[in-house]
Amino acid sequence: MRLIAMRLVSALPTLIGVIVVTFVLTRMLPGDPAAYFAGPTATADSIEATRHRLGLDRPLPEQFVRYVEGLARGDLGKSLTSGQTVLDDLRNRLPASLELTFAALIVALGLGIPLGIGAALRPGGSVDRVCSIVSTIGQATPTFFLGMLFVFVFYYLLDWVPAPIGRLDIVYSSPREITGAWSIDAALAGDRKLLGAVLRQLILPVTTLALFGLGPLARITRASMIEVLASDYVRTARAAGLPRRKVLGAYAFRNAVVPVLNTSGMVFSYMLGANVLVEKVFGWPGIGAYAIDAVLASDFAPVQGFILAMALLYLILNLIIDVADGLLDPKVRFDV
């Protein structure tokens, strides 16, 4: 489709900007990677030898050219902390982050849309007040604080959930990876006990992220539904005696869903950013925790790979939303 081709072409300047800015910012990180990897007892000569081995003694333009040449070959570099290539690390960790983020988005949509619709049907009512309170709490409270609070209350005090030690309790073996999302892999394997264990580990981190994304989704649903409910075609449908459920579903919500869809794309990107701290709180082995460890070690390649992966995910998501808009909104036309 012409729309898809145009979106891909327009994304190229953004990707180039991300590559340049990421390279510059990683070189501005505090600390000396050569001193870190040479060890605490290293001498000045050994630090300089490590710097030469890592190529950090070369001019920045030369380092940038070598980095771009590696990207052209599909080489994101090697992580000095893990000893693996960045591409392999991202490939192994990305499914865990996507599973957590998509699950949180589904929960946020499942709660935010009904809350927004209920608030729009009776502005100022009890549902509207609940919607406002939940939205404010989710947006005003930092995700890492919410996560630690949930761990303290539901694990430490009440013992309702398992320990926040990653994707699976140590008494279980991980499922045979098919998709990389362990909840899906356990379901495909037909292992209900393992699936239950995986889902229990997801409860707290998913709830933390879902509360973060719930507010914008509920508010945009409320605002969009109020606008649509006041439109002429909805009033005409009501005057014609159509059933209330059909008016709300076929006429009101269908026309109000496009802004909600666009907002869900932004919320997903915000969740990917918030995922960084949530993964550290819950010991989740995703790319967010991987990036934090790399920043603390001044390990350039993983940080650059993480930001580039996030930029690609964001661009792909925007492309999907553009296509979905065209399918849902009759005012949008595709040129084939």
Protein backbone atom coordinates (compact mmCIF):
# COMPACT_ATOMS: atom_id res chain seq x y z
CA MET A 1 0.00 0.00 0.00
CA ARG A 2 1.07 3.52 -0.72
CA LEU A 3 0.31 4.62 2.86
CA ILE A 4 2.66 2.01 4.30
CA ALA A 5 5.44 2.96 1.87
CA MET A 6 5.04 6.65 2.74
CA ARG A 7 5.18 5.92 6.45
CA LEU A 8 8.34 3.83 6.04
CA VAL A 9 10.06 6.56 4.02
CA SER A 10 9.05 9.25 6.51
CA ALA A 11 10.49 7.12 9.34
CA LEU A 12 14.02 7.15 7.87
CA PRO A 13 14.96 10.66 9.13
CA THR A 14 13.72 9.70 12.58
CA LEU A 15 15.86 6.56 12.62
CA ILE A 16 18.91 8.50 11.45
CA GLY A 17 18.33 11.08 14.18
CA VAL A 18 17.97 8.34 16.80
CA ILE A 19 21.24 6.73 15.70
CA VAL A 20 23.18 10.02 15.82
CA VAL A 21 21.73 11.27 19.11
CA THR A 22 22.12 7.89 20.80
CA PHE A 23 25.77 7.64 19.78
CA VAL A 24 26.54 11.13 21.10
CA LEU A 25 24.64 10.70 24.37
CA THR A 26 26.23 7.35 25.20
CA ARG A 27 29.67 8.96 24.87
CA MET A 28 28.55 11.56 27.41
CA LEU A 29 27.70 8.98 30.08
CA PRO A 30 29.61 9.49 33.34
CA GLY A 31 32.43 7.09 34.09
CA ASP A 32 35.18 5.48 32.07
CA PRO A 33 34.26 2.13 30.49
CA ALA A 34 37.94 1.25 30.13
CA ALA A 35 38.56 1.76 33.87
CA TYR A 36 35.42 -0.22 34.72
CA PHE A 37 36.34 -3.25 32.65
CA ALA A 38 40.03 -3.13 33.49
CA GLY A 39 39.11 -3.77 37.13
CA PRO A 40 39.56 -1.93 40.44
CA THR A 41 43.25 -2.86 40.72
CA ALA A 42 44.17 -1.86 37.18
CA THR A 43 47.12 0.39 36.51
CA ALA A 44 47.14 3.36 34.17
CA ASP A 45 48.86 1.28 31.50
CA SER A 46 46.30 -1.55 31.70
CA ILE A 47 43.43 0.97 31.55
CA GLU A 48 44.97 2.52 28.45
CA ALA A 49 45.42 -0.93 26.92
CA THR A 50 41.76 -1.72 27.62
CA ARG A 51 40.72 1.59 26.06
CA HIS A 52 42.72 0.72 22.95
CA ARG A 53 41.22 -2.78 22.81
CA LEU A 54 37.70 -1.32 23.02
CA GLY A 55 38.47 1.24 20.33
CA LEU A 56 37.69 4.15 22.67
CA ASP A 57 40.98 5.87 21.96
CA ARG A 58 39.97 6.57 18.37
CA PRO A 59 38.39 9.87 17.27
CA LEU A 60 34.62 10.09 17.69
CA PRO A 61 33.93 10.44 13.95
CA GLU A 62 35.85 7.23 13.32
CA GLN A 63 33.97 5.46 16.11
CA PHE A 64 30.67 6.64 14.63
CA VAL A 65 31.58 5.41 11.14
CA ARG A 66 32.50 1.99 12.54
CA TYR A 67 29.22 1.91 14.46
CA VAL A 68 27.15 2.74 11.35
CA GLU A 69 29.06 0.15 9.31
CA GLY A 70 28.19 -2.43 11.96
CA LEU A 71 24.52 -1.44 11.84
CA ALA A 72 24.53 -1.87 8.06
CA ARG A 73 25.73 -5.45 8.61
CA GLY A 74 23.14 -6.07 11.33
CA ASP A 75 25.85 -5.91 14.01
CA LEU A 76 24.80 -3.93 17.09
CA GLY A 77 28.07 -4.61 18.84
CA LYS A 78 28.98 -6.76 21.82
CA SER A 79 27.94 -6.31 25.41
CA LEU A 80 31.00 -6.15 27.63
CA THR A 81 28.96 -7.01 30.73
CA SER A 82 27.24 -10.14 29.38
CA GLY A 83 29.90 -11.21 26.90
CA GLN A 84 27.21 -11.79 24.24
CA THR A 85 26.34 -9.82 21.15
CA VAL A 86 23.77 -7.09 21.75
CA LEU A 87 21.53 -8.59 19.07
CA ASP A 88 21.45 -11.94 20.89
CA ASP A 89 20.81 -10.26 24.24
CA LEU A 90 17.93 -8.22 22.80
CA ARG A 91 16.51 -11.26 21.02
CA ASN A 92 16.53 -13.24 24.28
CA ARG A 93 15.13 -10.47 26.48
CA LEU A 94 12.68 -8.65 24.19
CA PRO A 95 9.90 -11.30 24.43
CA ALA A 96 9.82 -10.88 28.23
CA SER A 97 9.40 -7.10 27.92
CA LEU A 98 6.77 -7.39 25.19
CA GLU A 99 4.81 -9.99 27.15
CA LEU A 100 4.72 -7.73 30.20
CA THR A 101 3.86 -4.59 28.23
CA PHE A 102 1.17 -6.16 26.04
CA ALA A 103 -0.45 -7.81 29.06
CA ALA A 104 -0.50 -4.46 30.88
CA LEU A 105 -1.96 -2.74 27.81
CA ILE A 106 -4.73 -5.35 27.52
CA VAL A 107 -5.61 -4.89 31.20
CA ALA A 108 -5.52 -1.09 30.86
CA LEU A 109 -7.81 -1.23 27.81
CA GLY A 110 -10.12 -3.74 29.49
CA LEU A 111 -10.57 -1.44 32.49
CA GLY A 112 -10.08 2.01 30.96
CA ILE A 113 -12.60 1.74 28.12
CA PRO A 114 -15.55 0.58 30.30
CA LEU A 115 -14.64 3.21 32.90
CA GLY A 116 -14.53 5.92 30.25
CA ILE A 117 -17.84 4.83 28.72
CA GLY A 118 -19.53 4.68 32.13
CA ALA A 119 -18.17 8.11 33.02
CA ALA A 120 -19.41 9.54 29.69
CA LEU A 121 -22.91 8.15 30.15
CA ARG A 122 -23.30 9.87 33.52
CA PRO A 123 -20.85 12.79 33.87
CA GLY A 124 -20.37 13.69 37.51
CA GLY A 125 -21.73 10.34 38.69
CA SER A 126 -20.06 7.70 40.83
CA VAL A 127 -18.34 5.98 37.89
CA ASP A 128 -17.01 9.32 36.70
CA ARG A 129 -15.54 10.01 40.15
CA VAL A 130 -13.95 6.56 40.32
CA CYS A 131 -12.52 7.11 36.84
CA SER A 132 -11.02 10.43 37.92
CA ILE A 133 -9.50 9.00 41.12
CA VAL A 134 -7.97 5.95 39.43
CA SER A 135 -6.61 8.05 36.58
CA THR A 136 -5.03 10.55 38.96
CA ILE A 137 -3.40 7.86 41.09
CA GLY A 138 -2.01 6.02 38.09
CA GLN A 139 -0.55 9.16 36.51
CA ALA A 140 0.66 10.95 39.65
CA THR A 141 2.40 8.01 41.33
CA PRO A 142 5.80 6.87 39.98
CA THR A 143 5.74 3.32 38.66
CA PHE A 144 8.69 2.19 40.76
CA PHE A 145 6.94 3.43 43.92
CA LEU A 146 3.71 1.67 42.97
CA GLY A 147 5.66 -1.50 42.29
CA MET A 148 7.47 -1.43 45.62
CA LEU A 149 4.22 -0.62 47.42
CA PHE A 150 2.48 -3.60 45.79
CA VAL A 151 5.38 -5.88 46.70
CA PHE A 152 5.31 -4.71 50.31
CA VAL A 153 1.53 -5.08 50.72
CA PHE A 154 0.62 -8.09 48.60
CA TYR A 155 3.80 -10.15 48.96
CA TYR A 156 5.40 -9.16 52.26
CA LEU A 157 2.32 -8.38 54.38
CA LEU A 158 -0.45 -10.48 52.84
CA ASP A 159 1.56 -13.18 51.03
CA TRP A 160 -1.02 -13.31 48.23
CA VAL A 161 1.47 -13.37 45.36
CA PRO A 162 4.81 -15.12 44.77
CA ALA A 163 8.16 -13.46 45.32
CA PRO A 164 9.07 -10.79 42.73
CA ILE A 165 12.05 -12.70 41.37
CA GLY A 166 11.42 -12.69 37.65
CA ARG A 167 9.22 -14.55 35.20
CA LEU A 168 8.90 -17.82 37.12
CA ASP A 169 9.38 -19.21 40.60
CA ILE A 170 12.55 -21.25 41.05
CA VAL A 171 10.59 -24.47 41.72
CA TYR A 172 9.35 -24.48 38.11
CA SER A 173 11.19 -25.08 34.86
CA SER A 174 10.67 -22.63 32.04
CA PRO A 175 8.43 -23.78 29.17
CA ARG A 176 9.83 -24.77 25.81
CA GLU A 177 10.10 -21.44 24.05
CA ILE A 178 7.97 -21.06 20.94
CA THR A 179 7.00 -17.41 20.99
CA GLY A 180 9.20 -16.26 23.88
CA ALA A 181 6.12 -15.18 25.85
CA TRP A 182 6.02 -17.80 28.56
CA SER A 183 2.29 -17.45 29.23
CA ILE A 184 1.57 -18.28 25.59
CA ASP A 185 4.21 -21.02 25.47
CA ALA A 186 2.82 -22.67 28.62
CA ALA A 187 -0.70 -22.50 27.18
CA LEU A 188 0.46 -24.02 23.88
CA ALA A 189 2.16 -26.82 25.82
CA GLY A 190 -1.11 -27.50 27.67
CA ASP A 191 0.61 -27.26 31.07
CA ARG A 192 -2.02 -25.62 33.28
CA LYS A 193 0.09 -25.73 36.42
CA LEU A 194 2.99 -23.98 34.71
CA LEU A 195 0.61 -21.48 33.09
CA GLY A 196 -0.82 -20.62 36.50
CA ALA A 197 2.69 -20.08 37.89
CA VAL A 198 3.61 -17.80 34.99
CA LEU A 199 0.42 -15.76 35.34
CA ARG A 200 0.92 -15.37 39.10
CA GLN A 201 4.34 -13.83 38.45
CA LEU A 202 2.73 -11.41 36.02
CA ILE A 203 0.08 -10.10 38.43
CA LEU A 204 2.04 -7.37 40.22
CA PRO A 205 4.17 -5.99 37.36
CA VAL A 206 1.19 -6.02 34.99
CA THR A 207 -1.00 -4.24 37.55
CA THR A 208 1.71 -1.62 38.11
CA LEU A 209 2.06 -0.88 34.41
CA ALA A 210 -1.69 -1.08 33.76
CA LEU A 211 -2.44 1.57 36.38
CA PHE A 212 0.13 3.79 34.69
CA GLY A 213 -1.65 3.49 31.33
CA LEU A 214 -5.21 3.37 32.62
CA GLY A 215 -5.62 7.12 33.13
CA PRO A 216 -5.04 8.36 29.56
CA LEU A 217 -7.18 5.58 28.08
CA ALA A 218 -10.09 6.23 30.44
CA ARG A 219 -9.96 10.00 29.93
CA ILE A 220 -9.78 9.88 26.14
CA THR A 221 -12.62 7.32 26.05
CA ARG A 222 -14.75 9.56 28.25
CA ALA A 223 -14.04 12.70 26.20
CA SER A 224 -14.56 10.96 22.86
CA MET A 225 -17.81 9.29 23.96
CA ILE A 226 -19.23 12.55 25.34
CA GLU A 227 -18.52 14.26 22.02
CA VAL A 228 -20.05 11.44 19.98
CA LEU A 229 -23.12 11.09 22.22
CA ALA A 230 -23.90 14.77 21.61
CA SER A 231 -23.69 14.39 17.81
CA ASP A 232 -26.67 14.64 15.49
CA TYR A 233 -26.54 11.09 14.17
CA VAL A 234 -26.65 9.60 17.68
CA ARG A 235 -29.61 11.79 18.62
CA THR A 236 -31.32 10.76 15.37
CA ALA A 237 -30.70 7.08 16.13
CA ARG A 238 -32.22 7.51 19.57
CA ALA A 239 -35.22 9.39 18.15
CA ALA A 240 -35.76 6.57 15.66
CA GLY A 241 -36.28 4.20 18.58
CA LEU A 242 -33.20 2.03 18.05
CA PRO A 243 -32.18 -0.13 21.02
CA ARG A 244 -29.84 1.61 23.47
CA ARG A 245 -27.19 -1.09 23.11
CA LYS A 246 -27.13 -0.70 19.33
CA VAL A 247 -26.93 3.08 19.58
CA LEU A 248 -23.99 2.88 21.98
CA GLY A 249 -22.16 0.10 20.16
CA ALA A 250 -22.83 0.55 16.44
CA TYR A 251 -23.07 4.36 16.36
CA ALA A 252 -21.37 5.90 19.39
CA PHE A 253 -18.43 3.68 20.34
CA ARG A 254 -17.47 2.80 16.77
CA ASN A 255 -16.98 6.47 16.00
CA ALA A 256 -15.30 7.15 19.33
CA VAL A 257 -12.81 4.28 19.09
CA VAL A 258 -10.32 5.95 16.69
CA PRO A 259 -8.98 8.47 19.28
CA VAL A 260 -8.83 5.62 21.80
CA LEU A 261 -6.80 3.55 19.35
CA ASN A 262 -4.36 6.40 18.73
CA THR A 263 -4.00 6.97 22.46
CA SER A 264 -3.38 3.26 23.07
CA GLY A 265 -0.37 3.49 20.75
CA MET A 266 1.07 6.37 22.77
CA VAL A 267 0.29 4.56 26.02
CA PHE A 268 2.12 1.48 24.77
CA SER A 269 5.21 3.55 24.02
CA TYR A 270 5.01 5.18 27.47
CA MET A 271 4.73 1.72 29.01
CA LEU A 272 7.86 0.59 27.22
CA GLY A 273 9.68 3.49 28.84
CA ALA A 274 8.17 2.85 32.27
CA ASN A 275 9.04 -0.82 31.85
CA VAL A 276 12.66 0.00 32.61
CA LEU A 277 12.00 0.71 36.28
CA VAL A 278 9.25 -1.89 36.67
CA GLU A 279 11.57 -4.64 35.45
CA LYS A 280 14.21 -3.67 38.01
CA VAL A 281 11.68 -3.64 40.85
CA PHE A 282 10.32 -7.10 40.00
CA GLY A 283 13.54 -8.70 38.78
CA TRP A 284 12.05 -9.07 35.31
CA PRO A 285 14.71 -10.15 32.78
CA GLY A 286 13.67 -7.79 30.00
CA ILE A 287 15.50 -5.26 27.91
CA GLY A 288 14.72 -2.44 30.34
CA ALA A 289 16.70 -4.04 33.17
CA TYR A 290 19.37 -4.91 30.61
CA ALA A 291 19.68 -1.25 29.61
CA ILE A 292 19.95 -0.04 33.22
CA ASP A 293 22.76 -2.50 33.94
CA ALA A 294 24.53 -1.31 30.80
CA VAL A 295 24.19 2.37 31.80
CA LEU A 296 25.62 1.66 35.25
CA ALA A 297 28.59 -0.09 33.63
CA SER A 298 29.00 2.62 30.94
CA ASP A 299 28.60 -0.18 28.38
CA PHE A 300 27.83 1.73 25.19
CA ALA A 301 26.68 -0.98 22.79
CA PRO A 302 23.72 -2.34 24.85
CA VAL A 303 22.42 1.19 25.55
CA GLN A 304 22.58 2.05 21.84
CA GLY A 305 20.91 -1.24 20.92
CA PHE A 306 18.15 -0.73 23.49
CA ILE A 307 17.29 2.79 22.28
CA LEU A 308 17.36 1.70 18.64
CA ALA A 309 15.09 -1.25 19.42
CA MET A 310 12.64 1.04 21.23
CA ALA A 311 12.62 3.45 18.29
CA LEU A 312 11.91 0.62 15.83
CA LEU A 313 9.10 -0.74 18.01
CA TYR A 314 7.55 2.71 18.26
CA LEU A 315 7.67 3.23 14.49
CA ILE A 316 6.20 -0.21 13.80
CA LEU A 317 3.42 0.44 16.30
CA ASN A 318 2.58 3.78 14.68
CA LEU A 319 2.42 2.08 11.29
CA ILE A 320 0.02 -0.55 12.64
CA ILE A 321 -2.16 2.17 14.17
CA ASP A 322 -2.26 4.09 10.88
CA VAL A 323 -3.45 0.97 9.07
CA ALA A 324 -6.03 0.24 11.78
CA ASP A 325 -7.30 3.83 11.55
CA GLY A 326 -7.93 3.31 7.87
CA LEU A 327 -9.92 0.17 8.55
CA LEU A 328 -12.03 1.72 11.32
CA ASP A 329 -12.49 5.28 10.10
CA PRO A 330 -14.39 5.62 6.81
CA LYS A 331 -12.92 9.08 6.33
CA VAL A 332 -9.47 7.55 5.86
CA ARG A 333 -8.75 6.05 2.44
CA PHE A 334 -5.89 3.79 1.39
CA ASP A 335 -4.18 4.18 -1.94
CA VAL A 336 -3.28 0.71 -3.24
